[in-house]
Amino acid sequence: MSYSQETLAVLTAVWEAAGYPWSVRLKALLPWWMPWIRKRFRLRPEVEKQLLKISARQIDRRLKAAKTQRRRRIYGRTKPGYLLKHQIPVKTDRWDVQSPGFYGSRLGLAFG
């Protein structure tokens, strides 16, 4: 079934307003969001029918581009690298370890 641009725009608006739920949950939420949708958008009856008939898989397909764009905006595009390593202080000059094992050196116990 082909969905109109109006249907997809309303679906995207509901997805954003509901806090970006996954498709199965969004499908279940659509009937409860209808009063909000009717109040905010002037829906034609066929658009309302399309919204209530759309499957979770179709929601995934139709929102794929918006999800990709949102993911980039939320998580960013950069990855930690060389600069981050120099901002974390690590003690490397002297280790006061007398005996093997973490607990033994901490408690003053000798092993071996």
PDB file of N, CA and C in Angstrom:
ATOM      1  N   MET A   1       0.839  -1.174   0.000  1.00  0.00           N
ATOM      2  CA  MET A   1       0.000   0.000   0.000  1.00  0.00           C
ATOM      3  C   MET A   1       0.882   1.235   0.000  1.00  0.00           C
ATOM      4  N   SER A   2       0.544   2.223  -0.770  1.00  0.00           N
ATOM      5  CA  SER A   2       1.319   3.458  -0.775  1.00  0.00           C
ATOM      6  C   SER A   2       0.669   4.463   0.173  1.00  0.00           C
ATOM      7  N   TYR A   3       1.516   5.149   0.912  1.00  0.00           N
ATOM      8  CA  TYR A   3       1.050   6.104   1.903  1.00  0.00           C
ATOM      9  C   TYR A   3       1.335   7.514   1.411  1.00  0.00           C
ATOM     10  N   SER A   4       0.420   8.422   1.688  1.00  0.00           N
ATOM     11  CA  SER A   4       0.585   9.799   1.233  1.00  0.00           C
ATOM     12  C   SER A   4       1.663  10.500   2.061  1.00  0.00           C
ATOM     13  N   GLN A   5       2.161  11.595   1.513  1.00  0.00           N
ATOM     14  CA  GLN A   5       3.157  12.384   2.232  1.00  0.00           C
ATOM     15  C   GLN A   5       2.583  12.954   3.521  1.00  0.00           C
ATOM     16  N   GLU A   6       1.303  13.263   3.492  1.00  0.00           N
ATOM     17  CA  GLU A   6       0.630  13.782   4.685  1.00  0.00           C
ATOM     18  C   GLU A   6       0.626  12.732   5.803  1.00  0.00           C
ATOM     19  N   THR A   7       0.353  11.495   5.441  1.00  0.00           N
ATOM     20  CA  THR A   7       0.358  10.410   6.417  1.00  0.00           C
ATOM     21  C   THR A   7       1.739  10.239   7.030  1.00  0.00           C
ATOM     22  N   LEU A   8       2.767  10.275   6.199  1.00  0.00           N
ATOM     23  CA  LEU A   8       4.134  10.099   6.683  1.00  0.00           C
ATOM     24  C   LEU A   8       4.579  11.285   7.542  1.00  0.00           C
ATOM     25  N   ALA A   9       4.129  12.482   7.199  1.00  0.00           N
ATOM     26  CA  ALA A   9       4.468  13.660   8.003  1.00  0.00           C
ATOM     27  C   ALA A   9       3.823  13.573   9.389  1.00  0.00           C
ATOM     28  N   VAL A  10       2.573  13.142   9.436  1.00  0.00           N
ATOM     29  CA  VAL A  10       1.885  12.989  10.722  1.00  0.00           C
ATOM     30  C   VAL A  10       2.545  11.873  11.531  1.00  0.00           C
ATOM     31  N   LEU A  11       2.881  10.782  10.877  1.00  0.00           N
ATOM     32  CA  LEU A  11       3.546   9.660  11.549  1.00  0.00           C
ATOM     33  C   LEU A  11       4.881  10.107  12.155  1.00  0.00           C
ATOM     34  N   THR A  12       5.656  10.870  11.410  1.00  0.00           N
ATOM     35  CA  THR A  12       6.933  11.378  11.907  1.00  0.00           C
ATOM     36  C   THR A  12       6.726  12.321  13.085  1.00  0.00           C
ATOM     37  N   ALA A  13       5.706  13.172  13.012  1.00  0.00           N
ATOM     38  CA  ALA A  13       5.424  14.106  14.106  1.00  0.00           C
ATOM     39  C   ALA A  13       5.024  13.362  15.379  1.00  0.00           C
ATOM     40  N   VAL A  14       4.220  12.324  15.247  1.00  0.00           N
ATOM     41  CA  VAL A  14       3.809  11.532  16.408  1.00  0.00           C
ATOM     42  C   VAL A  14       5.011  10.788  16.984  1.00  0.00           C
ATOM     43  N   TRP A  15       5.850  10.245  16.121  1.00  0.00           N
ATOM     44  CA  TRP A  15       7.053   9.531  16.550  1.00  0.00           C
ATOM     45  C   TRP A  15       7.952  10.451  17.374  1.00  0.00           C
ATOM     46  N   GLU A  16       8.146  11.688  16.906  1.00  0.00           N
ATOM     47  CA  GLU A  16       8.976  12.645  17.632  1.00  0.00           C
ATOM     48  C   GLU A  16       8.323  13.067  18.949  1.00  0.00           C
ATOM     49  N   ALA A  17       7.019  13.359  18.912  1.00  0.00           N
ATOM     50  CA  ALA A  17       6.311  13.813  20.116  1.00  0.00           C
ATOM     51  C   ALA A  17       6.229  12.717  21.181  1.00  0.00           C
ATOM     52  N   ALA A  18       6.185  11.458  20.762  1.00  0.00           N
ATOM     53  CA  ALA A  18       6.087  10.340  21.707  1.00  0.00           C
ATOM     54  C   ALA A  18       7.436   9.942  22.280  1.00  0.00           C
ATOM     55  N   GLY A  19       8.508  10.604  21.844  1.00  0.00           N
ATOM     56  CA  GLY A  19       9.829  10.292  22.390  1.00  0.00           C
ATOM     57  C   GLY A  19      10.562   9.214  21.632  1.00  0.00           C
ATOM     58  N   TYR A  20      10.319   9.083  20.327  1.00  0.00           N
ATOM     59  CA  TYR A  20      11.009   8.151  19.440  1.00  0.00           C
ATOM     60  C   TYR A  20      10.857   6.685  19.844  1.00  0.00           C
ATOM     61  N   PRO A  21       9.629   6.199  20.024  1.00  0.00           N
ATOM     62  CA  PRO A  21       9.461   4.781  20.376  1.00  0.00           C
ATOM     63  C   PRO A  21       9.760   3.883  19.170  1.00  0.00           C
ATOM     64  N   TRP A  22      10.051   2.623  19.424  1.00  0.00           N
ATOM     65  CA  TRP A  22      10.266   1.697  18.317  1.00  0.00           C
ATOM     66  C   TRP A  22       8.932   1.408  17.638  1.00  0.00           C
ATOM     67  N   SER A  23       8.977   0.834  16.482  1.00  0.00           N
ATOM     68  CA  SER A  23       7.817   0.742  15.596  1.00  0.00           C
ATOM     69  C   SER A  23       6.631  -0.023  16.185  1.00  0.00           C
ATOM     70  N   VAL A  24       6.869  -1.107  16.883  1.00  0.00           N
ATOM     71  CA  VAL A  24       5.769  -1.904  17.446  1.00  0.00           C
ATOM     72  C   VAL A  24       5.030  -1.090  18.508  1.00  0.00           C
ATOM     73  N   ARG A  25       5.800  -0.394  19.322  1.00  0.00           N
ATOM     74  CA  ARG A  25       5.187   0.438  20.352  1.00  0.00           C
ATOM     75  C   ARG A  25       4.457   1.625  19.727  1.00  0.00           C
ATOM     76  N   LEU A  26       5.038   2.228  18.691  1.00  0.00           N
ATOM     77  CA  LEU A  26       4.388   3.347  18.011  1.00  0.00           C
ATOM     78  C   LEU A  26       3.071   2.911  17.377  1.00  0.00           C
ATOM     79  N   LYS A  27       3.057   1.730  16.803  1.00  0.00           N
ATOM     80  CA  LYS A  27       1.823   1.178  16.219  1.00  0.00           C
ATOM     81  C   LYS A  27       0.740   1.049  17.293  1.00  0.00           C
ATOM     82  N   ALA A  28       1.132   0.592  18.475  1.00  0.00           N
ATOM     83  CA  ALA A  28       0.174   0.435  19.569  1.00  0.00           C
ATOM     84  C   ALA A  28      -0.267   1.791  20.133  1.00  0.00           C
ATOM     85  N   LEU A  29       0.607   2.792  20.045  1.00  0.00           N
ATOM     86  CA  LEU A  29       0.286   4.112  20.582  1.00  0.00           C
ATOM     87  C   LEU A  29      -0.601   4.949  19.669  1.00  0.00           C
ATOM     88  N   LEU A  30      -0.602   4.678  18.398  1.00  0.00           N
ATOM     89  CA  LEU A  30      -1.331   5.530  17.443  1.00  0.00           C
ATOM     90  C   LEU A  30      -2.815   5.733  17.793  1.00  0.00           C
ATOM     91  N   PRO A  31      -3.571   4.692  18.174  1.00  0.00           N
ATOM     92  CA  PRO A  31      -4.975   4.949  18.531  1.00  0.00           C
ATOM     93  C   PRO A  31      -5.131   5.900  19.722  1.00  0.00           C
ATOM     94  N   TRP A  32      -4.222   5.812  20.696  1.00  0.00           N
ATOM     95  CA  TRP A  32      -4.309   6.706  21.855  1.00  0.00           C
ATOM     96  C   TRP A  32      -3.887   8.135  21.528  1.00  0.00           C
ATOM     97  N   TRP A  33      -3.059   8.283  20.502  1.00  0.00           N
ATOM     98  CA  TRP A  33      -2.610   9.610  20.096  1.00  0.00           C
ATOM     99  C   TRP A  33      -3.582  10.284  19.129  1.00  0.00           C
ATOM    100  N   MET A  34      -4.609   9.591  18.695  1.00  0.00           N
ATOM    101  CA  MET A  34      -5.549  10.164  17.724  1.00  0.00           C
ATOM    102  C   MET A  34      -6.182  11.482  18.185  1.00  0.00           C
ATOM    103  N   PRO A  35      -6.619  11.639  19.436  1.00  0.00           N
ATOM    104  CA  PRO A  35      -7.159  12.946  19.834  1.00  0.00           C
ATOM    105  C   PRO A  35      -6.137  14.080  19.668  1.00  0.00           C
ATOM    106  N   TRP A  36      -4.885  13.809  20.008  1.00  0.00           N
ATOM    107  CA  TRP A  36      -3.830  14.806  19.842  1.00  0.00           C
ATOM    108  C   TRP A  36      -3.591  15.103  18.362  1.00  0.00           C
ATOM    109  N   ILE A  37      -3.610  14.043  17.554  1.00  0.00           N
ATOM    110  CA  ILE A  37      -3.396  14.196  16.112  1.00  0.00           C
ATOM    111  C   ILE A  37      -4.531  15.013  15.494  1.00  0.00           C
ATOM    112  N   ARG A  38      -5.755  14.692  15.863  1.00  0.00           N
ATOM    113  CA  ARG A  38      -6.909  15.423  15.312  1.00  0.00           C
ATOM    114  C   ARG A  38      -6.872  16.894  15.722  1.00  0.00           C
ATOM    115  N   LYS A  39      -6.424  17.150  16.929  1.00  0.00           N
ATOM    116  CA  LYS A  39      -6.367  18.523  17.418  1.00  0.00           C
ATOM    117  C   LYS A  39      -5.262  19.319  16.708  1.00  0.00           C
ATOM    118  N   ARG A  40      -4.137  18.680  16.478  1.00  0.00           N
ATOM    119  CA  ARG A  40      -2.991  19.371  15.905  1.00  0.00           C
ATOM    120  C   ARG A  40      -3.025  19.447  14.382  1.00  0.00           C
ATOM    121  N   PHE A  41      -3.478  18.390  13.721  1.00  0.00           N
ATOM    122  CA  PHE A  41      -3.518  18.323  12.256  1.00  0.00           C
ATOM    123  C   PHE A  41      -4.974  18.202  11.820  1.00  0.00           C
ATOM    124  N   ARG A  42      -5.269  18.753  10.718  1.00  0.00           N
ATOM    125  CA  ARG A  42      -6.615  18.577  10.151  1.00  0.00           C
ATOM    126  C   ARG A  42      -6.570  17.354   9.241  1.00  0.00           C
ATOM    127  N   LEU A  43      -6.955  16.247   9.807  1.00  0.00           N
ATOM    128  CA  LEU A  43      -6.852  14.982   9.079  1.00  0.00           C
ATOM    129  C   LEU A  43      -8.056  14.729   8.199  1.00  0.00           C
ATOM    130  N   ARG A  44      -7.743  14.231   7.037  1.00  0.00           N
ATOM    131  CA  ARG A  44      -8.812  13.706   6.182  1.00  0.00           C
ATOM    132  C   ARG A  44      -9.070  12.275   6.641  1.00  0.00           C
ATOM    133  N   PRO A  45     -10.278  11.771   6.419  1.00  0.00           N
ATOM    134  CA  PRO A  45     -10.602  10.402   6.873  1.00  0.00           C
ATOM    135  C   PRO A  45      -9.672   9.338   6.295  1.00  0.00           C
ATOM    136  N   GLU A  46      -9.241   9.500   5.045  1.00  0.00           N
ATOM    137  CA  GLU A  46      -8.354   8.478   4.460  1.00  0.00           C
ATOM    138  C   GLU A  46      -6.961   8.491   5.104  1.00  0.00           C
ATOM    139  N   VAL A  47      -6.495   9.654   5.536  1.00  0.00           N
ATOM    140  CA  VAL A  47      -5.199   9.728   6.222  1.00  0.00           C
ATOM    141  C   VAL A  47      -5.303   9.050   7.582  1.00  0.00           C
ATOM    142  N   GLU A  48      -6.401   9.268   8.269  1.00  0.00           N
ATOM    143  CA  GLU A  48      -6.603   8.617   9.561  1.00  0.00           C
ATOM    144  C   GLU A  48      -6.667   7.103   9.398  1.00  0.00           C
ATOM    145  N   LYS A  49      -7.327   6.622   8.371  1.00  0.00           N
ATOM    146  CA  LYS A  49      -7.391   5.174   8.119  1.00  0.00           C
ATOM    147  C   LYS A  49      -6.010   4.615   7.819  1.00  0.00           C
ATOM    148  N   GLN A  50      -5.219   5.362   7.028  1.00  0.00           N
ATOM    149  CA  GLN A  50      -3.867   4.908   6.719  1.00  0.00           C
ATOM    150  C   GLN A  50      -3.001   4.828   7.978  1.00  0.00           C
ATOM    151  N   LEU A  51      -3.133   5.808   8.851  1.00  0.00           N
ATOM    152  CA  LEU A  51      -2.362   5.796  10.098  1.00  0.00           C
ATOM    153  C   LEU A  51      -2.709   4.595  10.968  1.00  0.00           C
ATOM    154  N   LEU A  52      -3.988   4.278  11.028  1.00  0.00           N
ATOM    155  CA  LEU A  52      -4.404   3.160  11.874  1.00  0.00           C
ATOM    156  C   LEU A  52      -4.122   1.801  11.234  1.00  0.00           C
ATOM    157  N   LYS A  53      -3.968   1.764   9.902  1.00  0.00           N
ATOM    158  CA  LYS A  53      -3.718   0.501   9.209  1.00  0.00           C
ATOM    159  C   LYS A  53      -2.240   0.178   9.019  1.00  0.00           C
ATOM    160  N   ILE A  54      -1.371   1.176   9.143  1.00  0.00           N
ATOM    161  CA  ILE A  54       0.045   0.950   8.831  1.00  0.00           C
ATOM    162  C   ILE A  54       0.647  -0.090   9.784  1.00  0.00           C
ATOM    163  N   SER A  55       1.472  -0.960   9.229  1.00  0.00           N
ATOM    164  CA  SER A  55       2.084  -2.017  10.041  1.00  0.00           C
ATOM    165  C   SER A  55       3.383  -1.522  10.672  1.00  0.00           C
ATOM    166  N   ALA A  56       3.850  -2.245  11.665  1.00  0.00           N
ATOM    167  CA  ALA A  56       5.092  -1.878  12.347  1.00  0.00           C
ATOM    168  C   ALA A  56       6.274  -1.943  11.384  1.00  0.00           C
ATOM    169  N   ARG A  57       6.267  -2.914  10.513  1.00  0.00           N
ATOM    170  CA  ARG A  57       7.357  -3.046   9.526  1.00  0.00           C
ATOM    171  C   ARG A  57       7.368  -1.861   8.574  1.00  0.00           C
ATOM    172  N   GLN A  58       6.185  -1.419   8.140  1.00  0.00           N
ATOM    173  CA  GLN A  58       6.107  -0.247   7.267  1.00  0.00           C
ATOM    174  C   GLN A  58       6.569   1.013   8.006  1.00  0.00           C
ATOM    175  N   ILE A  59       6.250   1.104   9.285  1.00  0.00           N
ATOM    176  CA  ILE A  59       6.714   2.245  10.075  1.00  0.00           C
ATOM    177  C   ILE A  59       8.236   2.272  10.086  1.00  0.00           C
ATOM    178  N   ASP A  60       8.860   1.098  10.288  1.00  0.00           N
ATOM    179  CA  ASP A  60      10.323   1.023  10.249  1.00  0.00           C
ATOM    180  C   ASP A  60      10.866   1.499   8.916  1.00  0.00           C
ATOM    181  N   ARG A  61      10.275   1.024   7.834  1.00  0.00           N
ATOM    182  CA  ARG A  61      10.746   1.406   6.496  1.00  0.00           C
ATOM    183  C   ARG A  61      10.562   2.895   6.242  1.00  0.00           C
ATOM    184  N   ARG A  62       9.416   3.426   6.624  1.00  0.00           N
ATOM    185  CA  ARG A  62       9.101   4.831   6.331  1.00  0.00           C
ATOM    186  C   ARG A  62       9.894   5.801   7.205  1.00  0.00           C
ATOM    187  N   LEU A  63      10.265   5.394   8.399  1.00  0.00           N
ATOM    188  CA  LEU A  63      11.000   6.279   9.305  1.00  0.00           C
ATOM    189  C   LEU A  63      12.511   6.034   9.282  1.00  0.00           C
ATOM    190  N   LYS A  64      12.978   5.174   8.392  1.00  0.00           N
ATOM    191  CA  LYS A  64      14.393   4.810   8.363  1.00  0.00           C
ATOM    192  C   LYS A  64      15.297   6.021   8.177  1.00  0.00           C
ATOM    193  N   ALA A  65      14.979   6.906   7.243  1.00  0.00           N
ATOM    194  CA  ALA A  65      15.816   8.088   6.993  1.00  0.00           C
ATOM    195  C   ALA A  65      15.801   9.030   8.197  1.00  0.00           C
ATOM    196  N   ALA A  66      14.645   9.217   8.794  1.00  0.00           N
ATOM    197  CA  ALA A  66      14.537  10.100   9.962  1.00  0.00           C
ATOM    198  C   ALA A  66      15.307   9.522  11.144  1.00  0.00           C
ATOM    199  N   LYS A  67      15.274   8.196  11.307  1.00  0.00           N
ATOM    200  CA  LYS A  67      16.000   7.561  12.394  1.00  0.00           C
ATOM    201  C   LYS A  67      17.508   7.714  12.208  1.00  0.00           C
ATOM    202  N   THR A  68      17.980   7.557  10.985  1.00  0.00           N
ATOM    203  CA  THR A  68      19.407   7.697  10.696  1.00  0.00           C
ATOM    204  C   THR A  68      19.864   9.119  10.985  1.00  0.00           C
ATOM    205  N   GLN A  69      19.091  10.084  10.547  1.00  0.00           N
ATOM    206  CA  GLN A  69      19.422  11.490  10.778  1.00  0.00           C
ATOM    207  C   GLN A  69      19.406  11.803  12.274  1.00  0.00           C
ATOM    208  N   ARG A  70      18.423  11.317  12.982  1.00  0.00           N
ATOM    209  CA  ARG A  70      18.289  11.550  14.414  1.00  0.00           C
ATOM    210  C   ARG A  70      19.458  10.916  15.159  1.00  0.00           C
ATOM    211  N   ARG A  71      19.847   9.702  14.771  1.00  0.00           N
ATOM    212  CA  ARG A  71      20.942   8.991  15.423  1.00  0.00           C
ATOM    213  C   ARG A  71      22.238   9.779  15.293  1.00  0.00           C
ATOM    214  N   ARG A  72      22.488  10.333  14.123  1.00  0.00           N
ATOM    215  CA  ARG A  72      23.690  11.143  13.921  1.00  0.00           C
ATOM    216  C   ARG A  72      23.662  12.379  14.801  1.00  0.00           C
ATOM    217  N   ARG A  73      22.513  12.988  14.923  1.00  0.00           N
ATOM    218  CA  ARG A  73      22.391  14.209  15.715  1.00  0.00           C
ATOM    219  C   ARG A  73      22.530  13.905  17.202  1.00  0.00           C
ATOM    220  N   ILE A  74      21.978  12.797  17.660  1.00  0.00           N
ATOM    221  CA  ILE A  74      22.028  12.457  19.077  1.00  0.00           C
ATOM    222  C   ILE A  74      23.416  11.968  19.477  1.00  0.00           C
ATOM    223  N   TYR A  75      23.976  11.046  18.724  1.00  0.00           N
ATOM    224  CA  TYR A  75      25.235  10.429  19.102  1.00  0.00           C
ATOM    225  C   TYR A  75      26.464  11.098  18.499  1.00  0.00           C
ATOM    226  N   GLY A  76      26.282  11.984  17.553  1.00  0.00           N
ATOM    227  CA  GLY A  76      27.404  12.667  16.927  1.00  0.00           C
ATOM    228  C   GLY A  76      28.102  11.793  15.909  1.00  0.00           C
ATOM    229  N   ARG A  77      29.108  12.360  15.271  1.00  0.00           N
ATOM    230  CA  ARG A  77      29.810  11.632  14.226  1.00  0.00           C
ATOM    231  C   ARG A  77      31.258  11.355  14.586  1.00  0.00           C
ATOM    232  N   THR A  78      31.762  11.983  15.636  1.00  0.00           N
ATOM    233  CA  THR A  78      33.165  11.803  15.975  1.00  0.00           C
ATOM    234  C   THR A  78      33.347  10.597  16.887  1.00  0.00           C
ATOM    235  N   LYS A  79      34.559  10.070  16.846  1.00  0.00           N
ATOM    236  CA  LYS A  79      34.898   8.935  17.682  1.00  0.00           C
ATOM    237  C   LYS A  79      36.080   9.325  18.563  1.00  0.00           C
ATOM    238  N   PRO A  80      36.166   8.780  19.759  1.00  0.00           N
ATOM    239  CA  PRO A  80      37.301   9.124  20.610  1.00  0.00           C
ATOM    240  C   PRO A  80      38.599   8.652  19.980  1.00  0.00           C
ATOM    241  N   GLY A  81      39.638   9.455  20.128  1.00  0.00           N
ATOM    242  CA  GLY A  81      40.906   9.088  19.515  1.00  0.00           C
ATOM    243  C   GLY A  81      42.085   9.647  20.262  1.00  0.00           C
ATOM    244  N   TYR A  82      43.047  10.136  19.537  1.00  0.00           N
ATOM    245  CA  TYR A  82      44.335  10.568  20.046  1.00  0.00           C
ATOM    246  C   TYR A  82      44.210  11.674  21.085  1.00  0.00           C
ATOM    247  N   LEU A  83      43.371  12.668  20.852  1.00  0.00           N
ATOM    248  CA  LEU A  83      43.264  13.804  21.773  1.00  0.00           C
ATOM    249  C   LEU A  83      42.722  13.399  23.135  1.00  0.00           C
ATOM    250  N   LEU A  84      41.797  12.469  23.170  1.00  0.00           N
ATOM    251  CA  LEU A  84      41.207  12.034  24.430  1.00  0.00           C
ATOM    252  C   LEU A  84      42.220  11.318  25.312  1.00  0.00           C
ATOM    253  N   LYS A  85      43.139  10.606  24.733  1.00  0.00           N
ATOM    254  CA  LYS A  85      44.139   9.863  25.493  1.00  0.00           C
ATOM    255  C   LYS A  85      45.019  10.795  26.320  1.00  0.00           C
ATOM    256  N   HIS A  86      45.282  11.985  25.822  1.00  0.00           N
ATOM    257  CA  HIS A  86      46.156  12.921  26.515  1.00  0.00           C
ATOM    258  C   HIS A  86      45.437  13.717  27.588  1.00  0.00           C
ATOM    259  N   GLN A  87      44.125  13.628  27.655  1.00  0.00           N
ATOM    260  CA  GLN A  87      43.367  14.371  28.655  1.00  0.00           C
ATOM    261  C   GLN A  87      43.079  13.541  29.903  1.00  0.00           C
ATOM    262  N   ILE A  88      43.355  12.250  29.864  1.00  0.00           N
ATOM    263  CA  ILE A  88      43.104  11.367  31.012  1.00  0.00           C
ATOM    264  C   ILE A  88      44.433  11.111  31.719  1.00  0.00           C
ATOM    265  N   PRO A  89      44.577  11.591  32.962  1.00  0.00           N
ATOM    266  CA  PRO A  89      45.856  11.389  33.653  1.00  0.00           C
ATOM    267  C   PRO A  89      46.018   9.928  34.116  1.00  0.00           C
ATOM    268  N   VAL A  90      47.166   9.381  33.843  1.00  0.00           N
ATOM    269  CA  VAL A  90      47.487   8.015  34.255  1.00  0.00           C
ATOM    270  C   VAL A  90      48.867   8.050  34.903  1.00  0.00           C
ATOM    271  N   LYS A  91      48.990   7.466  36.096  1.00  0.00           N
ATOM    272  CA  LYS A  91      50.269   7.424  36.789  1.00  0.00           C
ATOM    273  C   LYS A  91      51.107   6.300  36.194  1.00  0.00           C
ATOM    274  N   THR A  92      52.228   6.663  35.597  1.00  0.00           N
ATOM    275  CA  THR A  92      53.073   5.657  34.957  1.00  0.00           C
ATOM    276  C   THR A  92      54.517   5.697  35.440  1.00  0.00           C
ATOM    277  N   ASP A  93      54.904   6.668  36.299  1.00  0.00           N
ATOM    278  CA  ASP A  93      56.307   6.833  36.658  1.00  0.00           C
ATOM    279  C   ASP A  93      56.801   5.857  37.730  1.00  0.00           C
ATOM    280  N   ARG A  94      56.003   5.602  38.783  1.00  0.00           N
ATOM    281  CA  ARG A  94      56.478   4.741  39.855  1.00  0.00           C
ATOM    282  C   ARG A  94      55.317   3.935  40.424  1.00  0.00           C
ATOM    283  N   TRP A  95      55.491   2.647  40.502  1.00  0.00           N
ATOM    284  CA  TRP A  95      54.489   1.777  41.078  1.00  0.00           C
ATOM    285  C   TRP A  95      55.076   1.193  42.355  1.00  0.00           C
ATOM    286  N   ASP A  96      54.422   1.384  43.467  1.00  0.00           N
ATOM    287  CA  ASP A  96      54.917   0.892  44.744  1.00  0.00           C
ATOM    288  C   ASP A  96      54.434  -0.529  44.995  1.00  0.00           C
ATOM    289  N   VAL A  97      54.876  -1.441  44.189  1.00  0.00           N
ATOM    290  CA  VAL A  97      54.452  -2.826  44.305  1.00  0.00           C
ATOM    291  C   VAL A  97      55.634  -3.641  44.833  1.00  0.00           C
ATOM    292  N   GLN A  98      55.452  -4.290  45.975  1.00  0.00           N
ATOM    293  CA  GLN A  98      56.503  -5.088  46.582  1.00  0.00           C
ATOM    294  C   GLN A  98      56.308  -6.582  46.330  1.00  0.00           C
ATOM    295  N   SER A  99      55.026  -6.996  46.217  1.00  0.00           N
ATOM    296  CA  SER A  99      54.748  -8.414  46.032  1.00  0.00           C
ATOM    297  C   SER A  99      53.693  -8.578  44.934  1.00  0.00           C
ATOM    298  N   PRO A 100      53.628  -9.780  44.366  1.00  0.00           N
ATOM    299  CA  PRO A 100      52.651  -9.992  43.298  1.00  0.00           C
ATOM    300  C   PRO A 100      51.226 -10.009  43.833  1.00  0.00           C
ATOM    301  N   GLY A 101      50.308  -9.621  43.007  1.00  0.00           N
ATOM    302  CA  GLY A 101      48.896  -9.655  43.370  1.00  0.00           C
ATOM    303  C   GLY A 101      48.425  -8.344  43.969  1.00  0.00           C
ATOM    304  N   PHE A 102      47.252  -7.931  43.650  1.00  0.00           N
ATOM    305  CA  PHE A 102      46.704  -6.651  44.100  1.00  0.00           C
ATOM    306  C   PHE A 102      46.475  -6.633  45.598  1.00  0.00           C
ATOM    307  N   TYR A 103      45.801  -7.672  46.109  1.00  0.00           N
ATOM    308  CA  TYR A 103      45.458  -7.685  47.538  1.00  0.00           C
ATOM    309  C   TYR A 103      46.681  -7.835  48.415  1.00  0.00           C
ATOM    310  N   GLY A 104      47.643  -8.623  47.950  1.00  0.00           N
ATOM    311  CA  GLY A 104      48.837  -8.810  48.741  1.00  0.00           C
ATOM    312  C   GLY A 104      49.615  -7.514  48.905  1.00  0.00           C
ATOM    313  N   SER A 105      49.727  -6.735  47.873  1.00  0.00           N
ATOM    314  CA  SER A 105      50.464  -5.483  47.971  1.00  0.00           C
ATOM    315  C   SER A 105      49.682  -4.455  48.777  1.00  0.00           C
ATOM    316  N   ARG A 106      48.382  -4.503  48.743  1.00  0.00           N
ATOM    317  CA  ARG A 106      47.536  -3.568  49.470  1.00  0.00           C
ATOM    318  C   ARG A 106      47.531  -3.847  50.964  1.00  0.00           C
ATOM    319  N   LEU A 107      47.495  -5.105  51.300  1.00  0.00           N
ATOM    320  CA  LEU A 107      47.370  -5.491  52.705  1.00  0.00           C
ATOM    321  C   LEU A 107      48.723  -5.754  53.369  1.00  0.00           C
ATOM    322  N   GLY A 108      49.794  -5.670  52.589  1.00  0.00           N
ATOM    323  CA  GLY A 108      51.109  -5.925  53.155  1.00  0.00           C
ATOM    324  C   GLY A 108      51.412  -7.385  53.348  1.00  0.00           C
ATOM    325  N   LEU A 109      50.672  -8.255  52.675  1.00  0.00           N
ATOM    326  CA  LEU A 109      50.892  -9.688  52.786  1.00  0.00           C
ATOM    327  C   LEU A 109      51.913 -10.143  51.767  1.00  0.00           C
ATOM    328  N   ALA A 110      52.694 -11.080  52.107  1.00  0.00           N
ATOM    329  CA  ALA A 110      53.682 -11.627  51.172  1.00  0.00           C
ATOM    330  C   ALA A 110      53.183 -12.957  50.645  1.00  0.00           C
ATOM    331  N   PHE A 111      53.255 -13.128  49.345  1.00  0.00           N
ATOM    332  CA  PHE A 111      52.859 -14.389  48.729  1.00  0.00           C
ATOM    333  C   PHE A 111      54.106 -15.073  48.196  1.00  0.00           C
ATOM    334  N   GLY A 112      54.083 -16.368  48.265  1.00  0.00           N
ATOM    335  CA  GLY A 112      55.102 -17.098  47.578  1.00  0.00           C
ATOM    336  C   GLY A 112      56.115 -17.639  48.404  1.00  0.00           C
TER     337      GLY A 112
END
